[in-house]
């Protein structure tokens, strides 16, 4: 490497398992790349300022306030503009608040600018092809310490939906459950005591979609004929709505997310953001959600931290965690599914894994529960853990949870009574290296089982869904109702409520949670984790009583 250049630390990716090399991309092919810059000099770091999120309520930052404290400096942006001009790259967008400069150019130009050899790959689990590289990214020495991440040169698709529509083969005692019809979302809203006479009016729910799409006629029929509510205002704000363009699960996912949120908060605006499945696409969509001033974000995708750290790189994940921190500082509530593969996270290395982005410090990580029934009536709520069938194969799903290996434990968890309970009589329970230091998840849980599942409608027919990716939009709908009431009372939107949840969970006040104390999410023999009284790594504090949460937030803001 030339003496006047430096490597960008953590920028050498590992090629994802199962990827097949298909050749070199055409040098004239045009691509888009995001350059993430350092924070401007400030007396307070973002991490230190985010400590305001350890108490509830906290003062929400305006976009202008955030940019003045934590945006990119004008001098740094000018250096990137100069770099782009020298390498025949076009500046497409400058987002100083997000510290991001978006460039466009040819594969050849970007390869020379960052001294990488881009290669094209395919993967059986993801539609189309993608490009990546095997080298560390190289930048001019004068940009060393200024550029913190580069998104768009490594476009490996890693996130997967946390749900499915599969033929159910039953859990213990599951035979009689087949007679029970899938739940319509308003039925679950009633079960969890969501506040009455609220519709989400004045709120905007941003839903992240990765590929796939929906048919507006399916949604209209679902809302007006199955749920019997007015058709919500649903718009695509980023990317392209393309039903049938990829995995059927991605179509199911976005339909489920819209139908769950819209059937409860039907007067909220539902904004859909279709992102490419890579750091550039996802971070671009999140930035657009922020700039569009949504009040709630719902995300039902993720992947194990360990896999993402190798393929996307630690700096990329850290920058996205910073992005979600910013979201929370603006007073936007983020609900993210915790994953559907229990404590092992679908990584067969004999270690526990949690899912990103649910592991980010200031998002609400949403785990899953299931019901037990007696005489076709709900008898109890336990940890979600069930066996399903797909294409004549059985596999087991469970609520994702555990300890982050990437992100430190936030103070609101340090003060709480965190119990990482192993399975009773487990011979060799898995041990995390970061067991007593990492961010723990999930925070809360709602119904996720596919038996009988959620009633959804897609492709002009009845369908059913579930997974922790159903729990996340259910929480998003609850927050929309709560925000409507808060704002009507002259209060600020809920924002990041994690510190409130942990304070009330630890004190046992106000009967905010239905504590889930039965079941486990050990589906791979690791010996972890088991549900327990109080917080646990299966369902967090348990399922939230919606009306009690509203009462508590109103009281806290008084």
Protein backbone atom coordinates (compact mmCIF):
# COMPACT_ATOMS: atom_id res chain seq x y z
CA UNK A 1 0.00 0.00 0.00
CA UNK A 2 1.23 3.50 -0.82
CA UNK A 3 2.67 5.49 2.07
CA UNK A 4 0.09 8.21 1.62
CA UNK A 5 -2.78 5.81 2.31
CA UNK A 6 -4.15 4.06 5.41
CA UNK A 7 -6.36 1.01 5.96
CA UNK A 8 -9.84 1.57 7.37
CA UNK A 9 -9.91 -0.59 10.48
CA UNK A 10 -12.43 -3.44 10.51
CA UNK A 11 -13.26 -3.10 6.81
CA UNK A 12 -12.11 -6.53 5.57
CA UNK A 13 -15.22 -8.71 5.29
CA UNK A 14 -15.59 -12.47 5.45
CA UNK A 15 -17.60 -13.87 2.55
CA UNK A 16 -20.88 -15.29 3.88
CA UNK A 17 -21.30 -19.06 4.03
CA UNK A 18 -23.02 -20.48 0.96
CA UNK A 19 -22.16 -17.57 -1.33
CA UNK A 20 -21.12 -18.48 -4.89
CA UNK A 21 -18.69 -16.36 -6.90
CA UNK A 22 -20.20 -15.46 -10.28
CA UNK A 23 -17.63 -13.03 -11.67
CA UNK A 24 -16.48 -9.44 -11.65
CA UNK A 25 -19.04 -6.64 -11.98
CA UNK A 26 -18.79 -4.51 -15.12
CA UNK A 27 -16.41 -1.64 -14.51
CA UNK A 28 -18.94 0.77 -15.99
CA UNK A 29 -21.72 -0.35 -13.64
CA UNK A 30 -22.81 2.54 -11.42
CA UNK A 31 -23.20 2.03 -7.67
CA UNK A 32 -23.87 4.18 -4.64
CA UNK A 33 -21.66 4.39 -1.54
CA UNK A 34 -22.13 6.17 1.81
CA UNK A 35 -19.13 7.70 3.56
CA UNK A 36 -19.63 8.04 7.32
CA UNK A 37 -17.57 10.75 8.99
CA UNK A 38 -16.39 11.35 12.53
CA UNK A 39 -18.38 13.49 14.95
CA UNK A 40 -17.52 17.18 14.95
CA UNK A 41 -15.47 18.25 18.00
CA UNK A 42 -17.82 18.55 20.96
CA UNK A 43 -17.54 18.91 24.70
CA UNK A 44 -19.87 15.92 25.13
CA UNK A 45 -19.69 12.63 23.22
CA UNK A 46 -22.81 10.96 21.82
CA UNK A 47 -22.39 8.11 24.30
CA UNK A 48 -22.24 10.52 27.22
CA UNK A 49 -25.20 12.57 26.01
CA UNK A 50 -27.21 9.35 25.53
CA UNK A 51 -27.06 8.86 29.29
CA UNK A 52 -30.12 11.10 29.37
CA UNK A 53 -31.96 8.00 28.11
CA UNK A 54 -31.24 6.30 31.44
CA UNK A 55 -34.04 8.32 33.01
CA UNK A 56 -37.63 8.83 31.94
CA UNK A 57 -38.81 11.26 30.76
CA UNK A 58 -35.94 12.88 28.90
CA UNK A 59 -35.83 15.98 26.73
CA UNK A 60 -36.10 15.15 23.04
CA UNK A 61 -33.54 16.75 20.72
CA UNK A 62 -34.58 18.61 17.60
CA UNK A 63 -32.83 17.79 14.32
CA UNK A 64 -31.08 21.14 14.43
CA UNK A 65 -29.83 20.55 17.99
CA UNK A 66 -28.53 17.13 17.09
CA UNK A 67 -26.67 18.38 14.02
CA UNK A 68 -25.08 21.25 15.97
CA UNK A 69 -23.70 18.85 18.60
CA UNK A 70 -23.13 15.57 16.77
CA UNK A 71 -23.12 16.24 13.04
CA UNK A 72 -20.14 16.30 10.70
CA UNK A 73 -17.99 19.41 10.42
CA UNK A 74 -18.02 21.53 7.28
CA UNK A 75 -14.26 21.02 6.89
CA UNK A 76 -14.60 17.23 6.91
CA UNK A 77 -17.40 17.34 4.36
CA UNK A 78 -15.28 19.53 2.09
CA UNK A 79 -12.46 16.97 2.26
CA UNK A 80 -14.86 14.25 1.06
CA UNK A 81 -16.09 16.47 -1.77
CA UNK A 82 -12.47 17.00 -2.81
CA UNK A 83 -11.78 13.25 -2.61
CA UNK A 84 -14.85 12.54 -4.77
CA UNK A 85 -13.80 15.03 -7.44
CA UNK A 86 -10.29 13.56 -7.60
CA UNK A 87 -11.70 10.06 -8.21
CA UNK A 88 -14.49 10.93 -10.68
CA UNK A 89 -17.25 10.29 -8.13
CA UNK A 90 -20.45 12.33 -7.92
CA UNK A 91 -21.75 13.73 -4.64
CA UNK A 92 -25.42 12.74 -4.49
CA UNK A 93 -26.37 13.78 -0.97
CA UNK A 94 -24.88 15.44 2.10
CA UNK A 95 -26.56 14.71 5.44
CA UNK A 96 -24.47 16.61 7.95
CA UNK A 97 -26.62 15.53 10.92
CA UNK A 98 -26.06 11.86 10.04
CA UNK A 99 -22.38 12.54 9.22
CA UNK A 100 -23.00 10.93 5.85
CA UNK A 101 -21.95 11.88 2.33
CA UNK A 102 -23.46 9.71 -0.42
CA UNK A 103 -21.40 9.25 -3.58
CA UNK A 104 -22.23 7.67 -6.92
CA UNK A 105 -19.84 6.41 -9.56
CA UNK A 106 -18.67 3.44 -11.55
CA UNK A 107 -17.35 0.19 -10.08
CA UNK A 108 -14.01 1.02 -11.67
CA UNK A 109 -13.86 4.47 -10.05
CA UNK A 110 -14.77 3.19 -6.58
CA UNK A 111 -12.31 0.29 -6.90
CA UNK A 112 -9.52 2.74 -7.59
CA UNK A 113 -10.65 5.24 -4.96
CA UNK A 114 -10.62 2.65 -2.15
CA UNK A 115 -8.13 0.14 -3.64
CA UNK A 116 -10.46 -2.85 -3.52
CA UNK A 117 -11.39 -5.45 -6.11
CA UNK A 118 -15.17 -5.78 -6.22
CA UNK A 119 -16.56 -9.26 -6.93
CA UNK A 120 -20.09 -10.45 -7.68
CA UNK A 121 -21.74 -13.30 -5.72
CA UNK A 122 -25.06 -15.11 -5.43
CA UNK A 123 -26.63 -16.83 -2.43
CA UNK A 124 -29.49 -19.38 -2.45
CA UNK A 125 -31.30 -17.64 0.43
CA UNK A 126 -31.29 -14.19 -1.16
CA UNK A 127 -32.61 -13.07 -4.58
CA UNK A 128 -30.32 -11.59 -7.19
CA UNK A 129 -26.61 -11.02 -6.87
CA UNK A 130 -24.48 -8.74 -4.72
CA UNK A 131 -20.96 -7.34 -4.72
CA UNK A 132 -18.32 -7.35 -2.02
CA UNK A 133 -14.54 -7.41 -1.67
CA UNK A 134 -11.85 -9.38 0.17
CA UNK A 135 -9.41 -6.58 1.00
CA UNK A 136 -9.36 -3.93 3.68
CA UNK A 137 -10.60 -0.60 2.40
CA UNK A 138 -7.81 1.90 1.82
CA UNK A 139 -8.28 5.66 2.19
CA UNK A 140 -5.94 8.63 1.71
CA UNK A 141 -3.87 9.41 4.80
CA UNK A 142 -5.49 12.83 5.17
CA UNK A 143 -8.87 11.08 5.64
CA UNK A 144 -7.57 8.69 8.28
CA UNK A 145 -9.51 9.31 11.51
CA UNK A 146 -12.09 11.35 9.58
CA UNK A 147 -13.79 8.48 7.74
CA UNK A 148 -15.21 5.99 10.25
CA UNK A 149 -17.10 3.64 7.88
CA UNK A 150 -17.82 3.08 4.20
CA UNK A 151 -21.19 1.53 3.28
CA UNK A 152 -21.88 0.17 -0.19
CA UNK A 153 -18.70 -1.64 -1.21
CA UNK A 154 -19.64 -4.70 0.83
CA UNK A 155 -23.27 -5.45 0.03
CA UNK A 156 -23.64 -8.95 1.47
CA UNK A 157 -27.34 -9.56 2.30
CA UNK A 158 -27.47 -10.81 5.88
CA UNK A 159 -30.77 -9.85 7.53
CA UNK A 160 -33.70 -12.26 7.49
CA UNK A 161 -37.37 -11.87 8.42
CA UNK A 162 -38.30 -13.14 11.88
CA UNK A 163 -41.43 -15.04 10.96
CA UNK A 164 -43.01 -17.48 8.57
CA UNK A 165 -46.26 -18.97 7.38
CA UNK A 166 -45.70 -22.67 7.76
CA UNK A 167 -47.76 -25.77 8.36
CA UNK A 168 -47.80 -26.23 12.12
CA UNK A 169 -47.02 -29.71 13.48
CA UNK A 170 -47.74 -28.86 17.10
CA UNK A 171 -46.13 -28.23 20.42
CA UNK A 172 -46.80 -30.22 23.54
CA UNK A 173 -50.58 -30.33 23.90
CA UNK A 174 -50.90 -28.68 20.50
CA UNK A 175 -53.45 -31.02 18.86
CA UNK A 176 -56.52 -29.35 20.33
CA UNK A 177 -55.12 -25.95 19.41
CA UNK A 178 -55.73 -26.68 15.74
CA UNK A 179 -59.42 -25.91 16.34
CA UNK A 180 -58.61 -22.37 17.45
CA UNK A 181 -58.61 -19.77 14.69
CA UNK A 182 -55.67 -17.41 14.18
CA UNK A 183 -55.96 -14.22 16.21
CA UNK A 184 -56.93 -10.96 14.60
CA UNK A 185 -54.64 -8.22 15.95
CA UNK A 186 -57.49 -6.34 17.71
CA UNK A 187 -58.19 -9.51 19.71
CA UNK A 188 -54.64 -9.46 21.03
CA UNK A 189 -54.89 -5.72 21.69
CA UNK A 190 -57.89 -6.49 23.88
CA UNK A 191 -56.08 -9.35 25.62
CA UNK A 192 -53.12 -7.10 26.43
CA UNK A 193 -55.46 -4.31 27.59
CA UNK A 194 -54.49 -1.72 25.02
CA UNK A 195 -56.06 1.67 25.80
CA UNK A 196 -59.56 2.04 24.40
CA UNK A 197 -61.02 4.69 22.10
CA UNK A 198 -57.67 5.55 20.52
CA UNK A 199 -56.77 5.06 16.86
CA UNK A 200 -53.21 6.33 16.45
CA UNK A 201 -54.41 9.61 14.96
CA UNK A 202 -51.58 12.04 14.25
CA UNK A 203 -48.88 9.36 14.44
CA UNK A 204 -46.61 7.99 11.73
CA UNK A 205 -45.30 4.44 11.89
CA UNK A 206 -42.26 3.68 9.76
CA UNK A 207 -41.91 0.02 8.76
CA UNK A 208 -38.64 -1.34 7.41
CA UNK A 209 -39.05 -3.84 4.58
CA UNK A 210 -36.22 -5.72 2.93
CA UNK A 211 -37.39 -6.81 -0.49
CA UNK A 212 -40.81 -8.13 -1.38
CA UNK A 213 -43.96 -6.10 -1.29
CA UNK A 214 -47.72 -5.95 -0.85
CA UNK A 215 -50.81 -5.59 -3.01
CA UNK A 216 -52.96 -2.67 -2.00
CA UNK A 217 -56.15 -4.56 -2.87
CA UNK A 218 -55.21 -7.29 -0.36
CA UNK A 219 -54.71 -4.71 2.37
CA UNK A 220 -57.97 -2.93 1.57
CA UNK A 221 -59.92 -6.19 1.75
CA UNK A 222 -58.22 -7.14 5.04
CA UNK A 223 -58.95 -3.86 6.80
CA UNK A 224 -62.42 -3.16 5.46
CA UNK A 225 -63.86 -6.71 5.35
CA UNK A 226 -61.93 -8.80 7.87
CA UNK A 227 -61.02 -6.29 10.59
CA UNK A 228 -63.84 -3.84 9.79
CA UNK A 229 -61.81 -0.66 10.18
CA UNK A 230 -61.13 2.12 7.66
CA UNK A 231 -58.25 1.58 5.26
CA UNK A 232 -55.19 3.32 6.79
CA UNK A 233 -53.08 5.78 4.84
CA UNK A 234 -50.25 3.54 3.58
CA UNK A 235 -47.45 5.01 1.48
CA UNK A 236 -44.07 3.89 0.18
CA UNK A 237 -41.49 6.47 1.25
CA UNK A 238 -38.29 4.72 0.16
CA UNK A 239 -37.42 1.99 -2.32
CA UNK A 240 -39.81 -0.04 -4.45
CA UNK A 241 -42.87 -2.10 -3.55
CA UNK A 242 -42.36 -5.31 -5.57
CA UNK A 243 -44.59 -8.18 -4.41
CA UNK A 244 -43.46 -11.53 -5.74
CA UNK A 245 -39.97 -10.28 -6.59
CA UNK A 246 -38.13 -12.43 -4.05
CA UNK A 247 -38.68 -14.81 -1.18
CA UNK A 248 -42.37 -15.30 -0.33
CA UNK A 249 -41.43 -14.75 3.32
CA UNK A 250 -40.54 -11.13 2.57
CA UNK A 251 -44.00 -10.54 1.10
CA UNK A 252 -45.60 -12.18 4.12
CA UNK A 253 -43.44 -10.11 6.45
CA UNK A 254 -44.40 -6.71 5.10
CA UNK A 255 -48.08 -7.68 4.82
CA UNK A 256 -48.04 -8.88 8.42
CA UNK A 257 -46.35 -5.73 9.71
CA UNK A 258 -48.79 -3.41 7.92
CA UNK A 259 -51.86 -5.45 8.87
CA UNK A 260 -50.96 -5.70 12.56
CA UNK A 261 -50.15 -2.00 12.98
CA UNK A 262 -52.96 -0.79 10.73
CA UNK A 263 -55.74 -2.87 12.24
CA UNK A 264 -55.10 -1.32 15.69
CA UNK A 265 -53.72 2.16 14.88
CA UNK A 266 -55.78 2.60 11.72
CA UNK A 267 -55.69 6.41 11.79
CA UNK A 268 -51.90 6.51 11.95
CA UNK A 269 -49.96 7.08 8.75
CA UNK A 270 -48.07 3.92 7.81
CA UNK A 271 -44.86 4.67 5.93
CA UNK A 272 -43.05 1.75 4.29
CA UNK A 273 -39.31 1.88 3.54
CA UNK A 274 -38.02 -0.81 1.18
CA UNK A 275 -34.29 -1.10 1.78
CA UNK A 276 -31.56 -3.13 0.12
CA UNK A 277 -30.29 -5.84 2.46
CA UNK A 278 -26.89 -4.33 3.29
CA UNK A 279 -25.47 -1.59 5.54
CA UNK A 280 -25.77 1.10 2.86
CA UNK A 281 -29.42 0.30 2.08
CA UNK A 282 -30.55 -0.12 5.67
CA UNK A 283 -28.76 2.93 7.08
CA UNK A 284 -30.07 5.03 4.18
CA UNK A 285 -33.63 3.93 4.95
CA UNK A 286 -33.24 4.67 8.67
CA UNK A 287 -31.87 8.15 7.91
CA UNK A 288 -34.88 8.78 5.66
CA UNK A 289 -37.19 7.65 8.49
CA UNK A 290 -35.54 10.19 10.79
CA UNK A 291 -35.69 13.02 8.27
CA UNK A 292 -39.36 12.22 7.56
CA UNK A 293 -39.99 12.76 11.30
CA UNK A 294 -41.82 9.51 11.99
CA UNK A 295 -42.81 8.90 15.61
CA UNK A 296 -42.41 5.10 15.68
CA UNK A 297 -40.21 2.61 13.82
CA UNK A 298 -41.00 -1.10 13.50
CA UNK A 299 -38.34 -3.57 12.31
CA UNK A 300 -38.87 -7.31 11.95
CA UNK A 301 -35.51 -8.35 10.50
CA UNK A 302 -32.16 -9.29 11.97
CA UNK A 303 -29.22 -11.67 12.07
CA UNK A 304 -26.83 -13.03 14.67
CA UNK A 305 -24.25 -10.51 15.86
CA UNK A 306 -21.40 -12.97 15.34
CA UNK A 307 -22.22 -13.46 11.67
CA UNK A 308 -22.74 -9.78 11.03
CA UNK A 309 -19.49 -8.77 12.73
CA UNK A 310 -17.59 -11.00 10.30
CA UNK A 311 -19.49 -10.11 7.13
CA UNK A 312 -20.42 -6.45 7.69
CA UNK A 313 -17.69 -5.54 10.17
CA UNK A 314 -17.78 -4.16 13.70
CA UNK A 315 -17.45 -0.48 12.62
CA UNK A 316 -20.55 -0.81 10.44
CA UNK A 317 -22.59 -2.21 13.31
CA UNK A 318 -21.28 0.44 15.71
CA UNK A 319 -22.29 3.19 13.30
CA UNK A 320 -25.77 1.73 12.96
CA UNK A 321 -26.02 1.56 16.75
CA UNK A 322 -25.13 5.28 16.76
CA UNK A 323 -27.92 5.84 14.25
CA UNK A 324 -30.47 4.14 16.50
CA UNK A 325 -29.17 6.16 19.44
CA UNK A 326 -29.90 9.29 17.44
CA UNK A 327 -33.39 8.00 16.67
CA UNK A 328 -34.12 7.63 20.38
CA UNK A 329 -32.74 11.08 21.21
CA UNK A 330 -35.26 12.53 18.75
CA UNK A 331 -38.07 10.87 20.73
CA UNK A 332 -38.82 8.14 18.19
CA UNK A 333 -39.74 4.73 19.64
CA UNK A 334 -38.03 1.79 17.91
CA UNK A 335 -39.58 -1.69 18.20
CA UNK A 336 -37.41 -4.54 16.88
CA UNK A 337 -38.01 -8.29 16.92
CA UNK A 338 -35.47 -10.22 19.01
CA UNK A 339 -35.23 -13.22 16.66
CA UNK A 340 -36.91 -16.60 16.25
CA UNK A 341 -34.07 -19.03 16.97
CA UNK A 342 -33.84 -18.99 20.73
CA UNK A 343 -30.54 -18.61 22.52
CA UNK A 344 -28.36 -20.05 19.73
CA UNK A 345 -29.41 -17.55 17.07
CA UNK A 346 -29.19 -20.09 14.23
CA UNK A 347 -25.39 -20.28 14.56
CA UNK A 348 -24.10 -23.83 15.00
CA UNK A 349 -20.91 -23.10 16.92
CA UNK A 350 -21.97 -24.26 20.37
CA UNK A 351 -22.25 -20.68 21.66
CA UNK A 352 -25.19 -18.40 22.37
CA UNK A 353 -25.96 -15.52 20.00
CA UNK A 354 -28.33 -12.56 20.02
CA UNK A 355 -29.70 -10.73 17.03
CA UNK A 356 -28.77 -7.33 15.69
CA UNK A 357 -30.33 -4.72 15.46
CA UNK A 358 -32.44 -5.77 18.47
CA UNK A 359 -29.19 -5.76 20.47
CA UNK A 360 -28.75 -1.99 19.99
CA UNK A 361 -28.81 -0.25 23.33
CA UNK A 362 -31.77 2.10 22.99
CA UNK A 363 -34.30 0.11 20.99
CA UNK A 364 -37.12 -1.97 22.42
CA UNK A 365 -36.18 -5.61 21.79
CA UNK A 366 -39.42 -7.58 21.44
CA UNK A 367 -39.42 -11.28 22.31
CA UNK A 368 -42.15 -13.87 21.89
CA UNK A 369 -44.72 -15.77 23.95
CA UNK A 370 -47.31 -18.41 23.26
CA UNK A 371 -50.60 -19.33 24.91
CA UNK A 372 -51.69 -22.55 26.53
CA UNK A 373 -55.38 -23.35 26.20
CA UNK A 374 -58.05 -25.20 28.14
CA UNK A 375 -61.35 -25.84 26.42
CA UNK A 376 -60.21 -23.55 23.59
CA UNK A 377 -59.82 -20.65 26.02
CA UNK A 378 -56.49 -18.98 26.83
CA UNK A 379 -55.26 -20.48 30.09
CA UNK A 380 -51.73 -19.08 30.45
CA UNK A 381 -48.91 -17.34 28.63
CA UNK A 382 -45.47 -18.97 28.42
CA UNK A 383 -42.20 -18.59 26.53
CA UNK A 384 -42.59 -19.10 22.79
CA UNK A 385 -41.01 -22.43 21.79
CA UNK A 386 -42.66 -24.60 19.14
CA UNK A 387 -41.99 -27.03 16.29
CA UNK A 388 -43.22 -26.20 12.80
CA UNK A 389 -43.14 -27.96 9.45
CA UNK A 390 -41.96 -26.49 6.15
CA UNK A 391 -41.48 -28.55 3.00
CA UNK A 392 -41.77 -31.80 4.95
CA UNK A 393 -39.06 -30.72 7.37
CA UNK A 394 -39.54 -30.03 11.06
CA UNK A 395 -37.67 -27.27 12.82
CA UNK A 396 -38.03 -25.48 16.12
CA UNK A 397 -38.55 -21.78 16.74
CA UNK A 398 -38.29 -19.85 20.00
CA UNK A 399 -38.02 -16.36 21.41
CA UNK A 400 -34.57 -14.87 20.78
CA UNK A 401 -32.66 -13.59 23.77
CA UNK A 402 -29.36 -13.46 25.62
CA UNK A 403 -26.40 -11.11 26.00
CA UNK A 404 -24.82 -8.89 23.34
CA UNK A 405 -21.17 -9.43 22.56
CA UNK A 406 -20.94 -6.06 20.79
CA UNK A 407 -22.73 -3.48 22.90
CA UNK A 408 -22.21 -2.65 26.56
CA UNK A 409 -24.97 -3.05 29.10
CA UNK A 410 -26.81 0.28 29.42
CA UNK A 411 -27.22 1.76 32.86
CA UNK A 412 -30.97 1.16 32.93
CA UNK A 413 -30.15 -2.57 32.89
CA UNK A 414 -27.25 -2.31 35.33
CA UNK A 415 -29.67 -1.03 37.96
CA UNK A 416 -32.17 -3.81 37.29
CA UNK A 417 -32.22 -7.32 38.67
CA UNK A 418 -31.02 -9.12 35.54
CA UNK A 419 -31.35 -12.90 35.84
CA UNK A 420 -29.64 -15.09 33.23
CA UNK A 421 -31.18 -18.37 34.34
CA UNK A 422 -29.88 -21.62 32.87
CA UNK A 423 -32.08 -24.62 32.21
CA UNK A 424 -32.65 -26.64 35.36
CA UNK A 425 -30.19 -29.54 35.54
CA UNK A 426 -28.38 -28.46 32.37
CA UNK A 427 -25.08 -30.35 32.16
CA UNK A 428 -23.01 -27.78 30.28
CA UNK A 429 -24.85 -24.50 30.01
CA UNK A 430 -23.34 -22.13 27.46
CA UNK A 431 -21.29 -19.28 28.88
CA UNK A 432 -21.01 -15.87 27.21
CA UNK A 433 -17.71 -14.05 27.31
CA UNK A 434 -19.62 -10.83 27.87
CA UNK A 435 -22.13 -12.34 30.29
CA UNK A 436 -21.95 -9.62 32.94
CA UNK A 437 -21.18 -6.67 30.67
CA UNK A 438 -23.30 -6.84 27.51
CA UNK A 439 -26.70 -5.44 26.66
CA UNK A 440 -29.35 -8.04 27.57
CA UNK A 441 -32.43 -8.83 25.52
CA UNK A 442 -35.31 -9.00 25.00
CA UNK A 443 -36.85 -6.15 26.96
CA UNK A 444 -40.48 -7.28 26.64
CA UNK A 445 -42.53 -9.84 24.72
CA UNK A 446 -45.88 -10.38 23.07
CA UNK A 447 -47.62 -13.28 21.38
CA UNK A 448 -45.51 -14.85 18.61
CA UNK A 449 -46.71 -18.42 18.14
CA UNK A 450 -47.79 -19.82 14.78
CA UNK A 451 -50.32 -21.98 16.58
CA UNK A 452 -52.87 -20.64 15.97
CA UNK A 453 -50.90 -17.57 14.84
CA UNK A 454 -51.97 -14.16 13.54
CA UNK A 455 -54.74 -13.85 10.97
CA UNK A 456 -53.28 -12.11 7.92
CA UNK A 457 -54.39 -11.82 4.30
CA UNK A 458 -52.15 -12.03 1.25
CA UNK A 459 -52.44 -12.92 -2.44
CA UNK A 460 -56.23 -12.83 -2.28
CA UNK A 461 -56.42 -15.54 0.39
CA UNK A 462 -56.40 -16.08 4.13
CA UNK A 463 -52.99 -16.73 5.65
CA UNK A 464 -51.41 -16.74 9.06
CA UNK A 465 -48.20 -15.38 10.52
CA UNK A 466 -46.29 -15.06 13.72
CA UNK A 467 -42.78 -14.87 15.12
CA UNK A 468 -41.16 -12.13 17.15
CA UNK A 469 -41.66 -10.04 14.02
CA UNK A 470 -45.34 -10.03 14.89
CA UNK A 471 -44.59 -8.88 18.44
CA UNK A 472 -42.62 -5.83 17.19
CA UNK A 473 -45.44 -4.25 15.11
CA UNK A 474 -47.91 -5.09 17.88
CA UNK A 475 -45.80 -2.96 20.24
CA UNK A 476 -45.50 -0.28 17.54
CA UNK A 477 -49.29 -0.12 17.32
CA UNK A 478 -49.53 0.20 21.11
CA UNK A 479 -47.06 3.09 21.13
CA UNK A 480 -49.08 4.85 18.40
CA UNK A 481 -52.16 4.74 20.63
CA UNK A 482 -50.14 5.93 23.62
CA UNK A 483 -48.56 8.80 21.66
CA UNK A 484 -51.98 9.95 20.51
CA UNK A 485 -53.12 10.26 24.12
CA UNK A 486 -49.85 11.79 25.35
CA UNK A 487 -49.96 14.49 22.72
CA UNK A 488 -53.65 15.18 23.39
CA UNK A 489 -52.66 15.79 27.03
CA UNK A 490 -49.90 18.20 25.99
CA UNK A 491 -47.08 15.71 26.62
CA UNK A 492 -44.22 14.68 24.38
CA UNK A 493 -44.25 11.37 22.45
CA UNK A 494 -43.16 8.27 24.37
CA UNK A 495 -39.72 8.02 22.76
CA UNK A 496 -37.30 5.50 24.24
CA UNK A 497 -39.18 3.97 27.17
CA UNK A 498 -36.63 1.32 28.14
CA UNK A 499 -35.57 3.05 31.35
CA UNK A 500 -39.23 3.36 32.39
CA UNK A 501 -39.82 -0.34 31.71
CA UNK A 502 -36.81 -1.41 33.76
CA UNK A 503 -37.56 0.95 36.63
CA UNK A 504 -41.12 -0.32 36.92
CA UNK A 505 -40.12 -3.94 36.32
CA UNK A 506 -37.52 -3.81 39.05
CA UNK A 507 -39.86 -2.16 41.55
CA UNK A 508 -42.87 -4.30 40.71
CA UNK A 509 -45.03 -1.17 40.71
CA UNK A 510 -48.29 -0.62 38.88
CA UNK A 511 -48.66 -4.24 37.69
CA UNK A 512 -47.24 -3.18 34.34
CA UNK A 513 -46.21 -6.67 33.21
CA UNK A 514 -47.62 -10.16 33.02
CA UNK A 515 -44.46 -11.91 34.19
CA UNK A 516 -43.75 -14.99 32.04
CA UNK A 517 -42.18 -17.62 34.30
CA UNK A 518 -42.62 -20.84 32.30
CA UNK A 519 -40.67 -22.30 29.39
CA UNK A 520 -37.25 -21.74 27.85
CA UNK A 521 -35.65 -20.72 24.56
CA UNK A 522 -33.02 -23.46 24.42
CA UNK A 523 -33.67 -25.15 21.08
CA UNK A 524 -30.11 -26.33 20.41
CA UNK A 525 -29.01 -27.97 23.67
CA UNK A 526 -26.93 -25.08 25.01
CA UNK A 527 -28.65 -25.31 28.38
CA UNK A 528 -29.76 -21.65 28.27
CA UNK A 529 -32.09 -19.83 28.92
CA UNK A 530 -35.03 -20.46 31.19
CA UNK A 531 -37.93 -18.18 32.08
CA UNK A 532 -37.87 -16.93 35.66
CA UNK A 533 -39.66 -14.44 37.92
CA UNK A 534 -38.73 -10.87 36.96
CA UNK A 535 -36.57 -10.20 33.92
CA UNK A 536 -35.22 -13.18 31.97
CA UNK A 537 -33.52 -13.77 28.62
CA UNK A 538 -36.60 -15.45 27.14
CA UNK A 539 -39.32 -12.80 27.40
CA UNK A 540 -37.65 -9.88 29.20
CA UNK A 541 -40.06 -8.45 31.78
CA UNK A 542 -42.93 -10.27 30.08
CA UNK A 543 -45.97 -8.93 28.24
CA UNK A 544 -46.99 -5.33 28.84
CA UNK A 545 -50.42 -4.19 30.02
CA UNK A 546 -51.02 -1.45 27.45
CA UNK A 547 -53.33 0.75 29.54
CA UNK A 548 -51.01 0.52 32.54
CA UNK A 549 -48.11 1.61 30.37
CA UNK A 550 -50.07 4.66 29.21
CA UNK A 551 -50.96 5.52 32.82
CA UNK A 552 -47.33 5.19 33.88
CA UNK A 553 -45.99 7.38 31.06
CA UNK A 554 -48.61 10.05 31.72
CA UNK A 555 -47.68 10.03 35.41
CA UNK A 556 -43.96 10.18 34.63
CA UNK A 557 -44.44 13.21 32.37
CA UNK A 558 -46.64 15.08 34.85
